[in-house]
Amino acid sequence: MVSHRNKRISRTILTGAVLATAVAPTMAASAQPADPDPLARYNELSAHAAKTNEDLLKARGDLKAKREQLARSTVAEQQAREEEERFRGQVDALTTATFEGARFNQLSALLVSESQQDFLNRMSALNMLATDNNEALQRLGLAVAKADHARQSAQEAANAAAKLVGEVEQRQRDLDGQIKEVRAALGSLDPSVRNDLKRVKDTGSYVGPPGSANAALQAALSKRGAAYEWGAEGPSAFDCSGLTMWAYQQAGIQLPRVASAQYDVGMAVPLNALLPGDLLFYDDGTGNPAAIHHVAMYVGDDKMVDAPTQGQVVDLRPSRGDGHLMGARRIAG
């Protein structure tokens, strides 16, 4: 019996060992996932930070517009209140005059008038007083309504501005955190890769159609080698929409500050009919203009000039970008 029992124990131990040997490699494999490509991780984080940067710039622009609206509404309210007080004074004066004139009725005018013409003159004065009083009351009513509307507009602008302040602060915190991640990912790259990212690779000449488009193109090309900086508008550092805005400023054309707003300027261009100076827009693959996170300028030969992200410089790159080229706009020409 002991012999049979020992055999059963031996078989149990052997079976457990075989199972453990079979399971162990699987557990080890799942516990040690392959590290992602550092360059791909850097590019992914950069795209997310670029979108957050664009959102922050838009929020700042909205806040500036609301503060300007608040200032205008405050001035309008003050002017409306002054107008209201002026008409109120006229109404008070006319009301007093009407009260005094009420005792001087048609019979009184007839009795004291020295002639028919004198009677008509006195009656005309009474009618004019009544008419002036009615008109003054109407003007006062309009002035009060205008002042109330201006006050409401000012309050709405103040509330919107207060809300946007919080939004700007939150987006700034989001961007600061993402910039740290991008810089950490950049630092994890091999030094040779980092140096290559900062090197201008295309110094060739490119010419666009005569006029503003070519002027903007040459302005952008002149900034090859300029550093990327979040929120920068030049002239020594740029972010993506800062570069395109600055370039077209040199051509006498003012573009909005944010890439998604620049997408609304000019005319849409088929991707098979691009000309140098056209702007190229990139999103997250959804085709939604609200998801635009990058803008560049087409230079020809399937190339673009852009300010890409932290750790890189303004230079020429393939116009396909990250593969999410969603559309193009012709600003001039």
Protein backbone atom coordinates (compact mmCIF):
# COMPACT_ATOMS: atom_id res chain seq x y z
CA MET A 1 0.00 0.00 0.00
CA VAL A 2 2.86 2.32 0.81
CA SER A 3 4.35 1.65 -2.60
CA HIS A 4 1.09 2.54 -4.41
CA ARG A 5 0.66 5.67 -2.31
CA ASN A 6 4.19 6.85 -3.08
CA LYS A 7 3.57 6.32 -6.78
CA ARG A 8 0.41 8.44 -6.60
CA ILE A 9 2.29 11.24 -4.79
CA SER A 10 5.10 11.11 -7.32
CA ARG A 11 2.66 11.38 -10.22
CA THR A 12 0.93 14.39 -8.54
CA ILE A 13 4.23 16.20 -8.01
CA LEU A 14 5.33 15.49 -11.56
CA THR A 15 2.04 16.75 -13.00
CA GLY A 16 2.27 19.96 -10.94
CA ALA A 17 5.81 20.54 -12.09
CA VAL A 18 4.84 20.13 -15.73
CA LEU A 19 1.94 22.59 -15.35
CA ALA A 20 4.14 25.09 -13.56
CA THR A 21 6.73 24.82 -16.31
CA ALA A 22 4.06 25.41 -18.96
CA VAL A 23 2.47 28.38 -17.20
CA ALA A 24 5.65 30.14 -16.08
CA PRO A 25 6.76 31.43 -19.50
CA THR A 26 3.28 32.81 -20.17
CA MET A 27 3.22 34.69 -16.87
CA ALA A 28 6.69 36.06 -17.47
CA ALA A 29 5.74 37.24 -20.93
CA SER A 30 2.63 39.04 -19.65
CA ALA A 31 4.55 40.62 -16.80
CA GLN A 32 7.18 42.11 -19.11
CA PRO A 33 5.47 43.90 -22.05
CA ALA A 34 7.65 45.20 -24.81
CA ASP A 35 8.67 48.85 -24.42
CA PRO A 36 7.05 51.19 -26.98
CA ASP A 37 9.21 52.93 -29.55
CA PRO A 38 10.59 56.04 -27.75
CA LEU A 39 10.36 58.17 -30.88
CA ALA A 40 6.75 57.10 -31.49
CA ARG A 41 5.93 57.91 -27.86
CA TYR A 42 7.56 61.33 -28.23
CA ASN A 43 5.54 62.03 -31.39
CA GLU A 44 2.30 60.91 -29.75
CA LEU A 45 2.81 63.09 -26.69
CA SER A 46 3.79 66.02 -28.91
CA ALA A 47 0.54 65.73 -30.89
CA HIS A 48 -1.53 65.72 -27.69
CA ALA A 49 0.35 68.72 -26.31
CA ALA A 50 -0.04 70.57 -29.61
CA LYS A 51 -3.83 70.18 -29.41
CA THR A 52 -3.83 71.38 -25.81
CA ASN A 53 -1.69 74.35 -26.83
CA GLU A 54 -4.20 75.23 -29.57
CA ASP A 55 -7.07 74.91 -27.08
CA LEU A 56 -5.25 77.20 -24.66
CA LEU A 57 -4.61 79.80 -27.35
CA LYS A 58 -8.28 79.71 -28.35
CA ALA A 59 -9.40 80.12 -24.74
CA ARG A 60 -7.06 83.08 -24.33
CA GLY A 61 -8.44 84.63 -27.50
CA ASP A 62 -12.00 84.10 -26.30
CA LEU A 63 -11.15 85.66 -22.94
CA LYS A 64 -9.60 88.70 -24.62
CA ALA A 65 -12.70 89.13 -26.81
CA LYS A 66 -15.02 88.87 -23.81
CA ARG A 67 -13.01 91.43 -21.86
CA GLU A 68 -13.17 93.80 -24.82
CA GLN A 69 -16.93 93.19 -25.05
CA LEU A 70 -17.23 93.89 -21.33
CA ALA A 71 -15.39 97.20 -21.74
CA ARG A 72 -17.64 98.22 -24.64
CA SER A 73 -20.79 97.18 -22.78
CA THR A 74 -19.72 99.09 -19.68
CA VAL A 75 -19.21 102.27 -21.71
CA ALA A 76 -22.54 101.74 -23.49
CA GLU A 77 -24.30 101.27 -20.15
CA GLN A 78 -22.80 104.50 -18.78
CA GLN A 79 -23.84 106.44 -21.87
CA ALA A 80 -27.33 104.95 -21.73
CA ARG A 81 -27.68 105.87 -18.05
CA GLU A 82 -26.63 109.45 -18.79
CA GLU A 83 -29.17 109.61 -21.62
CA GLU A 84 -31.82 108.21 -19.30
CA GLU A 85 -31.12 110.88 -16.69
CA ARG A 86 -31.24 113.62 -19.33
CA PHE A 87 -34.65 112.53 -20.60
CA ARG A 88 -35.88 112.01 -17.05
CA GLY A 89 -35.04 115.63 -16.31
CA GLN A 90 -36.96 116.76 -19.39
CA VAL A 91 -39.97 114.69 -18.34
CA ASP A 92 -39.88 116.13 -14.83
CA ALA A 93 -39.76 119.68 -16.19
CA LEU A 94 -42.56 119.06 -18.66
CA THR A 95 -44.65 117.31 -16.02
CA THR A 96 -44.38 120.37 -13.79
CA ALA A 97 -45.26 122.65 -16.68
CA THR A 98 -48.21 120.47 -17.62
CA PHE A 99 -49.48 120.53 -14.04
CA GLU A 100 -49.27 124.30 -13.96
CA GLY A 101 -50.85 124.55 -17.41
CA ALA A 102 -53.67 122.23 -16.50
CA ARG A 103 -55.33 125.06 -14.57
CA PHE A 104 -55.18 127.18 -17.69
CA ASN A 105 -57.79 125.30 -19.73
CA GLN A 106 -59.63 126.19 -22.91
CA LEU A 107 -62.22 128.28 -21.05
CA SER A 108 -59.52 130.26 -19.29
CA ALA A 109 -57.76 130.84 -22.58
CA LEU A 110 -60.99 132.11 -24.11
CA LEU A 111 -61.74 134.45 -21.22
CA VAL A 112 -58.31 136.08 -21.04
CA SER A 113 -57.55 136.21 -24.75
CA GLU A 114 -57.63 139.67 -26.23
CA SER A 115 -58.33 138.47 -29.75
CA GLN A 116 -59.13 135.40 -31.79
CA GLN A 117 -55.46 135.09 -32.77
CA ASP A 118 -54.38 135.39 -29.15
CA PHE A 119 -56.77 132.55 -28.25
CA LEU A 120 -55.38 130.36 -31.03
CA ASN A 121 -51.83 131.07 -29.88
CA ARG A 122 -52.65 130.12 -26.30
CA MET A 123 -54.37 126.88 -27.40
CA SER A 124 -51.44 126.01 -29.64
CA ALA A 125 -49.07 126.42 -26.71
CA LEU A 126 -51.18 124.08 -24.58
CA ASN A 127 -51.26 121.43 -27.33
CA MET A 128 -47.51 121.71 -27.90
CA LEU A 129 -46.88 121.25 -24.18
CA ALA A 130 -48.95 118.06 -24.16
CA THR A 131 -47.22 116.76 -27.30
CA ASP A 132 -43.75 117.52 -25.92
CA ASN A 133 -44.61 115.70 -22.72
CA ASN A 134 -45.76 112.57 -24.57
CA GLU A 135 -42.65 112.55 -26.77
CA ALA A 136 -40.39 113.01 -23.75
CA LEU A 137 -42.06 110.09 -22.00
CA GLN A 138 -41.49 107.90 -25.06
CA ARG A 139 -37.82 108.91 -25.25
CA LEU A 140 -37.42 108.20 -21.55
CA GLY A 141 -38.94 104.74 -21.98
CA LEU A 142 -36.55 103.95 -24.82
CA ALA A 143 -33.58 105.26 -22.81
CA VAL A 144 -34.51 103.09 -19.82
CA ALA A 145 -34.82 100.00 -22.04
CA LYS A 146 -31.49 100.79 -23.71
CA ALA A 147 -29.76 101.21 -20.36
CA ASP A 148 -31.22 97.94 -19.04
CA HIS A 149 -30.08 96.09 -22.18
CA ALA A 150 -26.57 97.55 -21.86
CA ARG A 151 -26.44 96.54 -18.19
CA GLN A 152 -27.53 92.99 -19.06
CA SER A 153 -24.92 92.75 -21.84
CA ALA A 154 -22.21 93.95 -19.48
CA GLN A 155 -23.23 91.41 -16.84
CA GLU A 156 -23.27 88.56 -19.36
CA ALA A 157 -19.83 89.55 -20.64
CA ALA A 158 -18.50 89.73 -17.08
CA ASN A 159 -19.88 86.26 -16.26
CA ALA A 160 -18.45 84.78 -19.46
CA ALA A 161 -15.06 86.37 -18.80
CA ALA A 162 -14.98 85.00 -15.26
CA LYS A 163 -15.77 81.51 -16.57
CA LEU A 164 -13.08 81.75 -19.24
CA VAL A 165 -10.46 82.76 -16.68
CA GLY A 166 -10.94 79.39 -15.01
CA GLU A 167 -10.82 77.60 -18.35
CA VAL A 168 -7.58 79.33 -19.34
CA GLU A 169 -5.98 78.46 -16.01
CA GLN A 170 -7.02 74.80 -16.31
CA ARG A 171 -5.78 74.48 -19.89
CA GLN A 172 -2.50 76.09 -18.86
CA ARG A 173 -2.09 73.47 -16.13
CA ASP A 174 -2.91 70.72 -18.63
CA LEU A 175 -0.35 72.06 -21.09
CA ASP A 176 2.34 72.43 -18.43
CA GLY A 177 1.90 68.78 -17.47
CA GLN A 178 1.99 67.60 -21.07
CA ILE A 179 5.07 69.69 -21.84
CA LYS A 180 6.87 67.92 -19.00
CA GLU A 181 5.94 64.57 -20.54
CA VAL A 182 7.13 65.66 -23.99
CA ARG A 183 10.44 66.88 -22.57
CA ALA A 184 10.88 63.63 -20.67
CA ALA A 185 10.17 61.64 -23.83
CA LEU A 186 12.59 63.84 -25.75
CA GLY A 187 15.24 63.27 -23.12
CA SER A 188 14.79 59.50 -23.40
CA LEU A 189 15.80 59.55 -27.07
CA ASP A 190 19.28 58.65 -28.17
CA PRO A 191 21.46 61.80 -28.39
CA SER A 192 22.05 61.20 -32.08
CA VAL A 193 18.28 61.18 -32.67
CA ARG A 194 17.83 64.42 -30.70
CA ASN A 195 20.59 66.10 -32.67
CA ASP A 196 19.04 64.95 -35.93
CA LEU A 197 15.66 66.42 -34.91
CA LYS A 198 17.29 69.84 -34.44
CA ARG A 199 19.10 69.82 -37.76
CA VAL A 200 17.80 71.69 -40.83
CA LYS A 201 17.66 69.10 -43.59
CA ASP A 202 16.37 71.08 -46.58
CA THR A 203 17.86 74.44 -47.53
CA GLY A 204 16.54 74.42 -51.09
CA SER A 205 14.72 77.27 -52.85
CA TYR A 206 10.98 77.14 -53.48
CA VAL A 207 8.80 79.67 -55.30
CA GLY A 208 5.06 80.16 -55.12
CA PRO A 209 2.55 82.05 -57.26
CA PRO A 210 3.30 85.78 -57.64
CA GLY A 211 1.82 87.93 -54.91
CA SER A 212 0.93 87.44 -51.26
CA ALA A 213 1.18 83.64 -51.26
CA ASN A 214 4.80 83.71 -52.40
CA ALA A 215 5.61 86.55 -49.98
CA ALA A 216 4.26 84.44 -47.11
CA LEU A 217 6.10 81.37 -48.39
CA GLN A 218 9.44 83.17 -48.53
CA ALA A 219 8.85 84.58 -45.04
CA ALA A 220 8.22 81.09 -43.66
CA LEU A 221 11.24 79.63 -45.48
CA SER A 222 13.43 82.38 -44.05
CA LYS A 223 12.76 81.00 -40.57
CA ARG A 224 14.24 77.55 -41.18
CA GLY A 225 16.23 76.64 -38.09
CA ALA A 226 14.11 78.76 -35.71
CA ALA A 227 13.25 76.98 -32.47
CA TYR A 228 9.82 75.62 -31.59
CA GLU A 229 8.25 77.18 -28.52
CA TRP A 230 4.74 76.66 -27.18
CA GLY A 231 2.64 79.77 -27.84
CA ALA A 232 5.43 81.63 -29.68
CA GLU A 233 4.58 83.96 -32.59
CA GLY A 234 8.10 84.90 -33.73
CA PRO A 235 10.29 86.33 -34.85
CA SER A 236 12.90 84.00 -33.30
CA ALA A 237 10.69 81.11 -32.13
CA PHE A 238 7.30 79.76 -33.21
CA ASP A 239 4.60 77.22 -32.66
CA CYS A 240 2.78 75.88 -35.73
CA SER A 241 -0.02 78.44 -36.07
CA GLY A 242 2.30 81.19 -34.85
CA LEU A 243 4.56 80.54 -37.86
CA THR A 244 1.77 80.60 -40.45
CA MET A 245 0.22 83.70 -38.89
CA TRP A 246 3.59 85.49 -38.81
CA ALA A 247 4.41 84.50 -42.40
CA TYR A 248 1.16 85.88 -43.78
CA GLN A 249 1.55 89.02 -41.66
CA GLN A 250 4.72 89.71 -43.64
CA ALA A 251 2.55 89.51 -46.78
CA GLY A 252 0.03 92.00 -45.37
CA ILE A 253 -2.61 89.41 -44.44
CA GLN A 254 -3.80 88.93 -40.86
CA LEU A 255 -4.73 85.37 -39.93
CA PRO A 256 -6.38 84.23 -36.69
CA ARG A 257 -4.03 82.98 -34.01
CA VAL A 258 -5.36 79.42 -33.72
CA ALA A 259 -4.98 76.67 -36.36
CA SER A 260 -8.66 75.66 -36.23
CA ALA A 261 -9.65 79.31 -36.85
CA GLN A 262 -7.16 79.61 -39.72
CA TYR A 263 -9.00 76.67 -41.29
CA ASP A 264 -12.00 78.99 -41.75
CA VAL A 265 -10.01 81.54 -43.79
CA GLY A 266 -9.66 81.55 -47.57
CA MET A 267 -11.02 78.83 -49.83
CA ALA A 268 -10.87 75.05 -49.62
CA VAL A 269 -8.37 73.42 -51.99
CA PRO A 270 -8.37 69.76 -53.15
CA LEU A 271 -5.26 67.97 -51.98
CA ASN A 272 -4.40 67.13 -55.58
CA ALA A 273 -4.42 70.82 -56.57
CA LEU A 274 -2.12 72.35 -53.95
CA LEU A 275 0.01 75.41 -54.67
CA PRO A 276 2.94 76.79 -52.65
CA GLY A 277 1.61 79.03 -49.90
CA ASP A 278 -1.51 76.93 -49.26
CA LEU A 279 -2.05 75.96 -45.63
CA LEU A 280 -2.29 72.28 -44.64
CA PHE A 281 -4.28 71.17 -41.59
CA TYR A 282 -3.89 68.01 -39.53
CA ASP A 283 -6.33 66.46 -37.05
CA ASP A 284 -6.61 63.27 -35.02
CA GLY A 285 -8.03 61.24 -37.90
CA THR A 286 -11.69 62.05 -37.22
CA GLY A 287 -12.03 64.70 -39.93
CA ASN A 288 -13.44 67.13 -37.35
CA PRO A 289 -12.12 70.72 -37.71
CA ALA A 290 -12.42 71.12 -33.94
CA ALA A 291 -9.77 68.38 -33.59
CA ILE A 292 -7.15 70.23 -35.67
CA HIS A 293 -3.85 70.26 -33.80
CA HIS A 294 -1.34 71.30 -36.47
CA VAL A 295 -1.01 73.63 -39.46
CA ALA A 296 1.80 73.88 -42.01
CA MET A 297 2.49 75.65 -45.31
CA TYR A 298 2.81 73.78 -48.58
CA VAL A 299 6.02 74.55 -50.51
CA GLY A 300 5.66 72.20 -53.49
CA ASP A 301 7.08 68.76 -54.36
CA ASP A 302 4.90 67.15 -51.66
CA LYS A 303 6.74 69.10 -48.96
CA MET A 304 5.68 71.54 -46.27
CA VAL A 305 7.43 74.04 -44.01
CA ASP A 306 6.28 74.02 -40.40
CA ALA A 307 7.15 74.46 -36.75
CA PRO A 308 6.60 70.87 -35.52
CA THR A 309 7.08 70.49 -31.76
CA GLN A 310 9.40 70.79 -28.76
CA GLY A 311 12.94 69.70 -29.61
CA GLN A 312 12.63 70.40 -33.33
CA VAL A 313 13.11 73.44 -35.54
CA VAL A 314 11.30 75.09 -38.43
CA ASP A 315 12.19 73.04 -41.51
CA LEU A 316 10.77 71.21 -44.53
CA ARG A 317 9.09 67.84 -44.14
CA PRO A 318 6.87 65.53 -46.24
CA SER A 319 3.44 67.10 -46.54
CA ARG A 320 1.70 63.85 -45.55
CA GLY A 321 2.69 64.71 -41.97
CA ASP A 322 1.47 62.16 -39.45
CA GLY A 323 -0.99 60.74 -41.97
CA HIS A 324 -3.95 62.78 -40.71
CA LEU A 325 -3.94 65.55 -43.32
CA MET A 326 -7.60 66.59 -43.28
CA GLY A 327 -7.69 69.57 -45.65
CA ALA A 328 -6.07 72.62 -47.18
CA ARG A 329 -6.96 76.30 -47.56
CA ARG A 330 -5.78 78.87 -50.09
CA ILE A 331 -5.30 82.18 -48.30
CA ALA A 332 -4.21 84.27 -51.28
CA GLY A 333 -3.76 83.95 -55.03
